[in-house]
Amino acid sequence: QVQLVESGGGLVQAGGSLRLSCAASGWIFSSFAMGWFRQAPGKEREFVAAITRTGTNTDYTNSVKGRFTISRDNAKNTVYLQMNLLNPEDTAVYYCARRIGPRPSLPNDYDYWGQGTQVTVSS
């Protein structure tokens, strides 16, 4: 079955770093672009970053540009989100998703989602 399992979340102080991992299984990982979204309490799920099948192109929401880096290792069926210079506004549940459409930032262009991993940034 198709699975996406996020890990690497936790509690970190403002200015710190975390690296999230998303392990994929049950499908040909390299055939799909991938993305990261996040959802803070009381807010809608928002786009964070996306990466194409081979990692040639990436997209980021403006608030994380220069701080976050999305990458993938197709040999390991894993996509990563390196998060640096974290601030309390980054606090959210982070979700990995498989992309099936051409638009990296739109949730409707993703068909499978992981359960999420909590990231909490203290001030």
N, C-alpha and C. Protein backbone atom coordinates (compact mmCIF):
# COMPACT_ATOMS: atom_id res chain seq x y z
N GLN A 1 0.82 -1.17 0.00
CA GLN A 1 0.00 0.00 0.00
C GLN A 1 0.87 1.25 0.00
N VAL A 2 0.29 2.33 -0.46
CA VAL A 2 0.99 3.60 -0.50
C VAL A 2 1.13 4.13 0.93
N GLN A 3 2.35 4.47 1.30
CA GLN A 3 2.60 5.02 2.62
C GLN A 3 3.60 6.15 2.56
N LEU A 4 3.38 7.14 3.40
CA LEU A 4 4.30 8.24 3.61
C LEU A 4 4.39 8.45 5.12
N VAL A 5 5.58 8.34 5.66
CA VAL A 5 5.76 8.45 7.10
C VAL A 5 6.78 9.51 7.41
N GLU A 6 6.32 10.57 8.06
CA GLU A 6 7.19 11.67 8.44
C GLU A 6 7.85 11.39 9.78
N SER A 7 9.04 11.94 9.96
CA SER A 7 9.74 11.85 11.22
C SER A 7 10.69 13.03 11.34
N GLY A 8 11.23 13.22 12.52
CA GLY A 8 12.22 14.26 12.74
C GLY A 8 11.71 15.50 13.42
N GLY A 9 10.42 15.57 13.66
CA GLY A 9 9.87 16.72 14.36
C GLY A 9 10.25 16.70 15.83
N GLY A 10 9.97 17.80 16.49
CA GLY A 10 10.29 17.90 17.91
C GLY A 10 10.24 19.33 18.38
N LEU A 11 10.80 19.55 19.54
CA LEU A 11 10.85 20.86 20.16
C LEU A 11 12.24 21.46 19.98
N VAL A 12 12.27 22.68 19.50
CA VAL A 12 13.55 23.35 19.28
C VAL A 12 13.41 24.82 19.63
N GLN A 13 14.51 25.42 20.07
CA GLN A 13 14.50 26.84 20.39
C GLN A 13 14.55 27.67 19.12
N ALA A 14 14.03 28.88 19.21
CA ALA A 14 14.11 29.80 18.08
C ALA A 14 15.57 29.96 17.65
N GLY A 15 15.76 29.93 16.35
CA GLY A 15 17.10 30.01 15.80
C GLY A 15 17.74 28.66 15.55
N GLY A 16 17.11 27.62 16.04
CA GLY A 16 17.64 26.28 15.88
C GLY A 16 17.25 25.64 14.58
N SER A 17 17.61 24.37 14.45
CA SER A 17 17.39 23.63 13.22
C SER A 17 16.79 22.26 13.48
N LEU A 18 16.07 21.77 12.50
CA LEU A 18 15.55 20.42 12.50
C LEU A 18 15.58 19.91 11.07
N ARG A 19 15.73 18.62 10.92
CA ARG A 19 15.60 18.00 9.61
C ARG A 19 14.49 16.97 9.64
N LEU A 20 13.49 17.19 8.83
CA LEU A 20 12.39 16.27 8.72
C LEU A 20 12.66 15.27 7.61
N SER A 21 12.21 14.05 7.82
CA SER A 21 12.33 13.01 6.81
C SER A 21 10.95 12.46 6.49
N CYS A 22 10.78 12.03 5.28
CA CYS A 22 9.54 11.40 4.84
C CYS A 22 9.90 10.15 4.08
N ALA A 23 9.59 9.02 4.66
CA ALA A 23 9.90 7.73 4.05
C ALA A 23 8.70 7.22 3.26
N ALA A 24 8.91 6.93 2.00
CA ALA A 24 7.85 6.48 1.12
C ALA A 24 7.96 4.99 0.84
N SER A 25 6.81 4.36 0.65
CA SER A 25 6.80 2.95 0.30
C SER A 25 5.50 2.61 -0.42
N GLY A 26 5.51 1.49 -1.13
CA GLY A 26 4.31 1.03 -1.80
C GLY A 26 4.09 1.58 -3.19
N TRP A 27 5.06 2.32 -3.70
CA TRP A 27 4.96 2.90 -5.03
C TRP A 27 6.35 3.27 -5.51
N ILE A 28 6.44 3.63 -6.78
CA ILE A 28 7.74 4.00 -7.34
C ILE A 28 8.00 5.46 -6.99
N PHE A 29 8.78 5.65 -5.97
CA PHE A 29 9.03 6.97 -5.41
C PHE A 29 9.56 7.96 -6.44
N SER A 30 10.49 7.51 -7.25
CA SER A 30 11.15 8.40 -8.21
C SER A 30 10.23 8.87 -9.33
N SER A 31 9.05 8.30 -9.45
CA SER A 31 8.12 8.68 -10.51
C SER A 31 7.28 9.90 -10.15
N PHE A 32 7.39 10.37 -8.92
CA PHE A 32 6.53 11.45 -8.47
C PHE A 32 7.31 12.60 -7.85
N ALA A 33 6.83 13.80 -8.13
CA ALA A 33 7.30 14.96 -7.40
C ALA A 33 6.72 14.89 -5.98
N MET A 34 7.34 15.60 -5.06
CA MET A 34 6.93 15.55 -3.67
C MET A 34 6.83 16.95 -3.09
N GLY A 35 6.14 17.05 -1.98
CA GLY A 35 6.00 18.35 -1.34
C GLY A 35 5.86 18.24 0.17
N TRP A 36 6.10 19.36 0.82
CA TRP A 36 5.88 19.51 2.26
C TRP A 36 4.85 20.61 2.49
N PHE A 37 3.91 20.34 3.37
CA PHE A 37 2.93 21.31 3.81
C PHE A 37 2.96 21.36 5.33
N ARG A 38 2.35 22.38 5.89
CA ARG A 38 2.26 22.46 7.34
C ARG A 38 0.93 23.06 7.74
N GLN A 39 0.52 22.73 8.95
CA GLN A 39 -0.73 23.26 9.47
C GLN A 39 -0.56 23.62 10.93
N ALA A 40 -0.73 24.89 11.22
CA ALA A 40 -0.66 25.39 12.59
C ALA A 40 -2.06 25.34 13.20
N PRO A 41 -2.15 25.32 14.53
CA PRO A 41 -3.46 25.27 15.19
C PRO A 41 -4.36 26.41 14.74
N GLY A 42 -5.58 26.06 14.33
CA GLY A 42 -6.55 27.05 13.93
C GLY A 42 -6.34 27.63 12.55
N LYS A 43 -5.36 27.12 11.82
CA LYS A 43 -5.07 27.65 10.50
C LYS A 43 -5.21 26.56 9.44
N GLU A 44 -5.36 27.00 8.20
CA GLU A 44 -5.44 26.06 7.10
C GLU A 44 -4.07 25.51 6.75
N ARG A 45 -4.08 24.36 6.14
CA ARG A 45 -2.84 23.76 5.70
C ARG A 45 -2.21 24.64 4.62
N GLU A 46 -0.92 24.89 4.74
CA GLU A 46 -0.25 25.74 3.79
C GLU A 46 0.96 25.06 3.18
N PHE A 47 1.25 25.46 1.97
CA PHE A 47 2.40 24.94 1.24
C PHE A 47 3.69 25.42 1.86
N VAL A 48 4.67 24.54 1.91
CA VAL A 48 5.99 24.89 2.42
C VAL A 48 7.05 24.78 1.33
N ALA A 49 7.15 23.60 0.73
CA ALA A 49 8.18 23.37 -0.26
C ALA A 49 7.80 22.19 -1.15
N ALA A 50 8.35 22.17 -2.35
CA ALA A 50 8.11 21.07 -3.28
C ALA A 50 9.38 20.79 -4.07
N ILE A 51 9.46 19.57 -4.57
CA ILE A 51 10.62 19.15 -5.33
C ILE A 51 10.18 18.23 -6.46
N THR A 52 10.81 18.38 -7.60
CA THR A 52 10.46 17.56 -8.75
C THR A 52 11.01 16.16 -8.62
N ARG A 53 10.70 15.31 -9.58
CA ARG A 53 11.03 13.90 -9.50
C ARG A 53 12.51 13.63 -9.26
N THR A 54 13.35 14.35 -9.96
CA THR A 54 14.79 14.14 -9.84
C THR A 54 15.47 15.14 -8.93
N GLY A 55 14.71 16.08 -8.41
CA GLY A 55 15.28 17.10 -7.55
C GLY A 55 15.86 18.28 -8.31
N THR A 56 15.61 18.35 -9.60
CA THR A 56 16.16 19.41 -10.42
C THR A 56 15.60 20.78 -10.05
N ASN A 57 14.32 20.82 -9.73
CA ASN A 57 13.66 22.07 -9.40
C ASN A 57 12.99 21.99 -8.04
N THR A 58 13.03 23.11 -7.34
CA THR A 58 12.37 23.20 -6.04
C THR A 58 11.56 24.48 -5.97
N ASP A 59 10.56 24.47 -5.11
CA ASP A 59 9.73 25.64 -4.87
C ASP A 59 9.54 25.81 -3.37
N TYR A 60 9.47 27.05 -2.93
CA TYR A 60 9.29 27.36 -1.53
C TYR A 60 8.30 28.49 -1.35
N THR A 61 7.57 28.44 -0.25
CA THR A 61 6.78 29.59 0.11
C THR A 61 7.73 30.68 0.60
N ASN A 62 7.34 31.93 0.42
CA ASN A 62 8.24 33.04 0.70
C ASN A 62 8.74 33.06 2.14
N SER A 63 7.92 32.65 3.07
CA SER A 63 8.29 32.74 4.47
C SER A 63 9.43 31.80 4.88
N VAL A 64 9.72 30.81 4.05
CA VAL A 64 10.79 29.87 4.39
C VAL A 64 11.98 29.94 3.46
N LYS A 65 11.89 30.75 2.43
CA LYS A 65 13.00 30.87 1.49
C LYS A 65 14.26 31.34 2.20
N GLY A 66 15.35 30.67 1.91
CA GLY A 66 16.61 31.00 2.55
C GLY A 66 16.83 30.30 3.87
N ARG A 67 15.78 29.71 4.42
CA ARG A 67 15.89 29.02 5.70
C ARG A 67 15.67 27.51 5.57
N PHE A 68 14.75 27.13 4.71
CA PHE A 68 14.41 25.72 4.53
C PHE A 68 14.96 25.21 3.21
N THR A 69 15.32 23.94 3.18
CA THR A 69 15.79 23.30 1.97
C THR A 69 15.12 21.95 1.82
N ILE A 70 14.45 21.74 0.70
CA ILE A 70 13.87 20.44 0.41
C ILE A 70 14.83 19.66 -0.47
N SER A 71 14.94 18.38 -0.21
CA SER A 71 15.80 17.53 -1.01
C SER A 71 15.22 16.12 -1.03
N ARG A 72 15.76 15.28 -1.88
CA ARG A 72 15.28 13.91 -1.93
C ARG A 72 16.41 12.97 -2.28
N ASP A 73 16.27 11.75 -1.83
CA ASP A 73 17.20 10.68 -2.15
C ASP A 73 16.37 9.54 -2.69
N ASN A 74 16.31 9.44 -4.00
CA ASN A 74 15.45 8.43 -4.61
C ASN A 74 15.91 7.01 -4.32
N ALA A 75 17.19 6.83 -4.09
CA ALA A 75 17.70 5.51 -3.74
C ALA A 75 17.20 5.06 -2.39
N LYS A 76 16.85 6.00 -1.53
CA LYS A 76 16.35 5.70 -0.20
C LYS A 76 14.85 5.93 -0.07
N ASN A 77 14.20 6.30 -1.16
CA ASN A 77 12.76 6.58 -1.15
C ASN A 77 12.40 7.58 -0.06
N THR A 78 13.18 8.62 0.04
CA THR A 78 13.01 9.57 1.12
C THR A 78 13.13 11.01 0.62
N VAL A 79 12.26 11.86 1.13
CA VAL A 79 12.34 13.29 0.89
C VAL A 79 12.60 13.97 2.23
N TYR A 80 13.40 15.03 2.21
CA TYR A 80 13.81 15.71 3.43
C TYR A 80 13.40 17.17 3.41
N LEU A 81 13.29 17.72 4.58
CA LEU A 81 13.11 19.16 4.73
C LEU A 81 14.05 19.64 5.81
N GLN A 82 15.12 20.28 5.41
CA GLN A 82 16.06 20.87 6.35
C GLN A 82 15.55 22.24 6.73
N MET A 83 15.34 22.47 8.01
CA MET A 83 14.78 23.71 8.50
C MET A 83 15.79 24.39 9.41
N ASN A 84 16.24 25.56 9.00
CA ASN A 84 17.20 26.34 9.77
C ASN A 84 16.57 27.66 10.20
N LEU A 85 17.20 28.28 11.19
CA LEU A 85 16.73 29.57 11.69
C LEU A 85 15.23 29.54 11.99
N LEU A 86 14.84 28.52 12.69
CA LEU A 86 13.43 28.35 13.01
C LEU A 86 12.93 29.44 13.94
N ASN A 87 11.69 29.82 13.77
CA ASN A 87 11.05 30.78 14.63
C ASN A 87 9.70 30.24 15.07
N PRO A 88 9.09 30.83 16.09
CA PRO A 88 7.82 30.30 16.59
C PRO A 88 6.73 30.21 15.54
N GLU A 89 6.79 31.04 14.52
CA GLU A 89 5.79 30.99 13.45
C GLU A 89 5.90 29.73 12.61
N ASP A 90 6.98 29.01 12.75
CA ASP A 90 7.14 27.75 12.04
C ASP A 90 6.48 26.59 12.77
N THR A 91 5.99 26.83 13.96
CA THR A 91 5.34 25.79 14.74
C THR A 91 4.10 25.28 14.01
N ALA A 92 4.07 24.00 13.76
CA ALA A 92 2.96 23.39 13.02
C ALA A 92 3.19 21.90 12.93
N VAL A 93 2.16 21.21 12.45
CA VAL A 93 2.33 19.83 12.04
C VAL A 93 2.75 19.84 10.59
N TYR A 94 3.83 19.17 10.28
CA TYR A 94 4.37 19.15 8.93
C TYR A 94 4.01 17.84 8.24
N TYR A 95 3.52 17.96 7.03
CA TYR A 95 3.06 16.81 6.26
C TYR A 95 3.84 16.66 4.97
N CYS A 96 4.17 15.45 4.65
CA CYS A 96 4.77 15.09 3.38
C CYS A 96 3.65 14.60 2.46
N ALA A 97 3.75 14.90 1.17
CA ALA A 97 2.71 14.50 0.25
C ALA A 97 3.28 14.16 -1.13
N ARG A 98 2.58 13.28 -1.84
CA ARG A 98 2.94 12.87 -3.19
C ARG A 98 2.19 13.73 -4.19
N ARG A 99 2.91 14.29 -5.12
CA ARG A 99 2.32 15.20 -6.09
C ARG A 99 1.94 14.48 -7.37
N ILE A 100 0.74 14.81 -7.88
CA ILE A 100 0.26 14.22 -9.13
C ILE A 100 -0.07 15.27 -10.18
N GLY A 101 -0.08 16.54 -9.80
CA GLY A 101 -0.39 17.61 -10.72
C GLY A 101 0.79 18.54 -10.93
N PRO A 102 0.61 19.52 -11.80
CA PRO A 102 1.72 20.41 -12.17
C PRO A 102 1.98 21.56 -11.22
N ARG A 103 1.08 21.79 -10.28
CA ARG A 103 1.18 22.96 -9.42
C ARG A 103 1.75 22.58 -8.06
N PRO A 104 2.96 23.00 -7.76
CA PRO A 104 3.62 22.55 -6.53
C PRO A 104 2.98 23.04 -5.24
N SER A 105 2.30 24.17 -5.27
CA SER A 105 1.81 24.77 -4.04
C SER A 105 0.35 24.47 -3.72
N LEU A 106 -0.33 23.75 -4.58
CA LEU A 106 -1.76 23.52 -4.39
C LEU A 106 -2.03 22.12 -3.87
N PRO A 107 -2.69 22.02 -2.72
CA PRO A 107 -2.98 20.70 -2.13
C PRO A 107 -3.73 19.75 -3.05
N ASN A 108 -4.58 20.30 -3.92
CA ASN A 108 -5.35 19.45 -4.83
C ASN A 108 -4.49 18.72 -5.84
N ASP A 109 -3.26 19.14 -5.99
CA ASP A 109 -2.34 18.47 -6.91
C ASP A 109 -1.51 17.40 -6.22
N TYR A 110 -1.91 17.02 -5.02
CA TYR A 110 -1.28 15.94 -4.26
C TYR A 110 -2.34 14.91 -3.91
N ASP A 111 -1.97 13.63 -3.96
CA ASP A 111 -2.98 12.61 -3.72
C ASP A 111 -2.79 11.79 -2.45
N TYR A 112 -1.57 11.65 -1.97
CA TYR A 112 -1.33 10.91 -0.75
C TYR A 112 -0.56 11.76 0.24
N TRP A 113 -0.95 11.64 1.49
CA TRP A 113 -0.38 12.45 2.57
C TRP A 113 0.04 11.58 3.73
N GLY A 114 1.12 11.97 4.38
CA GLY A 114 1.52 11.29 5.59
C GLY A 114 0.70 11.75 6.76
N GLN A 115 0.98 11.18 7.92
CA GLN A 115 0.25 11.52 9.13
C GLN A 115 0.72 12.80 9.79
N GLY A 116 1.89 13.26 9.43
CA GLY A 116 2.40 14.50 9.96
C GLY A 116 3.36 14.30 11.12
N THR A 117 4.23 15.27 11.30
CA THR A 117 5.14 15.30 12.43
C THR A 117 5.12 16.69 13.04
N GLN A 118 5.04 16.75 14.35
CA GLN A 118 4.91 18.02 15.05
C GLN A 118 6.25 18.72 15.17
N VAL A 119 6.26 19.98 14.81
CA VAL A 119 7.42 20.85 15.01
C VAL A 119 6.99 21.99 15.91
N THR A 120 7.66 22.14 17.03
CA THR A 120 7.36 23.20 17.97
C THR A 120 8.61 24.04 18.20
N VAL A 121 8.50 25.32 17.96
CA VAL A 121 9.63 26.23 18.13
C VAL A 121 9.33 27.17 19.27
N SER A 122 10.15 27.13 20.29
CA SER A 122 9.95 27.98 21.46
C SER A 122 10.66 29.31 21.28
N SER A 123 10.10 30.34 21.87
CA SER A 123 10.67 31.67 21.78
C SER A 123 11.63 31.95 22.91
